[in-house]
Protein backbone atom coordinates (compact mmCIF):
# COMPACT_ATOMS: atom_id res chain seq x y z
CA MET A 1 230.61 101.56 -27.26
CA LYS A 2 234.23 101.88 -26.91
CA LYS A 3 234.67 100.91 -30.49
CA THR A 4 232.02 103.32 -31.63
CA GLY A 5 233.31 106.13 -29.77
CA MET A 6 236.66 105.42 -31.33
CA LEU A 7 235.19 105.19 -35.10
CA PHE A 8 233.50 108.64 -34.20
CA LEU A 9 236.59 110.35 -33.30
CA THR A 10 238.42 108.76 -35.94
CA PHE A 11 235.57 109.91 -38.49
CA VAL A 12 235.82 113.63 -36.91
CA VAL A 13 239.84 113.80 -37.49
CA GLY A 14 239.43 112.31 -41.21
CA VAL A 15 237.03 115.12 -41.71
CA LEU A 16 239.19 117.78 -40.27
CA GLY A 17 242.29 116.29 -42.31
CA GLY A 18 240.14 116.15 -45.52
CA PHE A 19 239.05 119.83 -44.94
CA THR A 20 242.68 120.90 -44.43
CA LEU A 21 243.66 119.17 -47.70
CA PHE A 22 240.71 121.05 -49.56
CA GLU A 23 242.33 124.22 -48.12
CA PHE A 24 245.69 123.37 -49.16
CA ILE A 25 244.57 122.59 -52.59
CA VAL A 26 242.70 125.76 -53.00
CA ARG A 27 245.27 128.05 -51.67
CA ILE A 28 248.02 126.64 -54.02
CA VAL A 29 245.49 126.89 -57.11
CA LEU A 30 244.42 130.41 -56.37
CA ARG A 31 248.03 131.39 -56.34
CA GLN A 32 248.53 129.81 -59.87
CA MET A 33 245.44 130.99 -61.43
CA ASP A 34 243.62 134.57 -61.39
CA THR A 35 240.29 132.79 -61.77
CA PHE A 36 238.80 129.39 -60.32
CA PRO A 37 235.43 127.82 -60.74
CA VAL A 38 233.05 128.36 -58.27
CA THR A 39 231.32 125.12 -58.52
CA PHE A 40 234.71 123.20 -58.66
CA ILE A 41 235.47 124.68 -54.97
CA GLY A 42 232.08 123.96 -53.89
CA ALA A 43 232.55 120.22 -54.85
CA LEU A 44 235.74 119.93 -53.35
CA SER A 45 234.63 121.59 -50.26
CA MET A 46 231.73 118.77 -49.85
CA ILE A 47 233.81 115.57 -51.37
CA LEU A 48 237.17 116.10 -49.56
CA PRO A 49 236.26 116.17 -45.85
CA LEU A 50 233.73 113.34 -46.22
CA ALA A 51 236.05 111.28 -48.06
CA GLY A 52 238.75 111.84 -45.44
CA GLY A 53 236.05 110.77 -42.96
CA ILE A 54 235.49 107.67 -44.96
CA ALA A 55 239.11 106.80 -45.37
CA ALA A 56 240.00 107.59 -41.79
CA VAL A 57 237.30 105.23 -40.62
CA MET A 58 238.30 102.21 -43.17
CA LEU A 59 241.87 102.34 -42.02
CA ALA A 60 240.97 102.43 -38.32
CA ARG A 61 238.72 99.36 -38.87
CA ARG A 62 241.29 97.80 -40.74
CA PHE A 63 244.01 98.22 -38.27
CA THR A 64 241.99 97.26 -35.21
CA ASN A 65 240.99 94.24 -36.98
CA LYS A 66 244.38 93.21 -37.62
CA ALA A 67 245.36 93.98 -34.22
CA GLY A 68 242.93 91.83 -32.58
CA GLN A 69 244.16 88.95 -34.81
CA ASP A 70 247.81 89.05 -33.75
């Protein structure tokens, strides 16, 4: 149960990190361009937080497995 809770918190932090990255990208691109496709914003808003959560969980599992081997 302890490992499940840790992975859940890791996923939440990864989602927040992905959303922060999404906001950063959108703000920079909106300053550069006058128009920005709405579908691209929608796709990024779904993909980046999910990808951030998955990547964070994968990294956490990898590092916890390596720590257990040492």
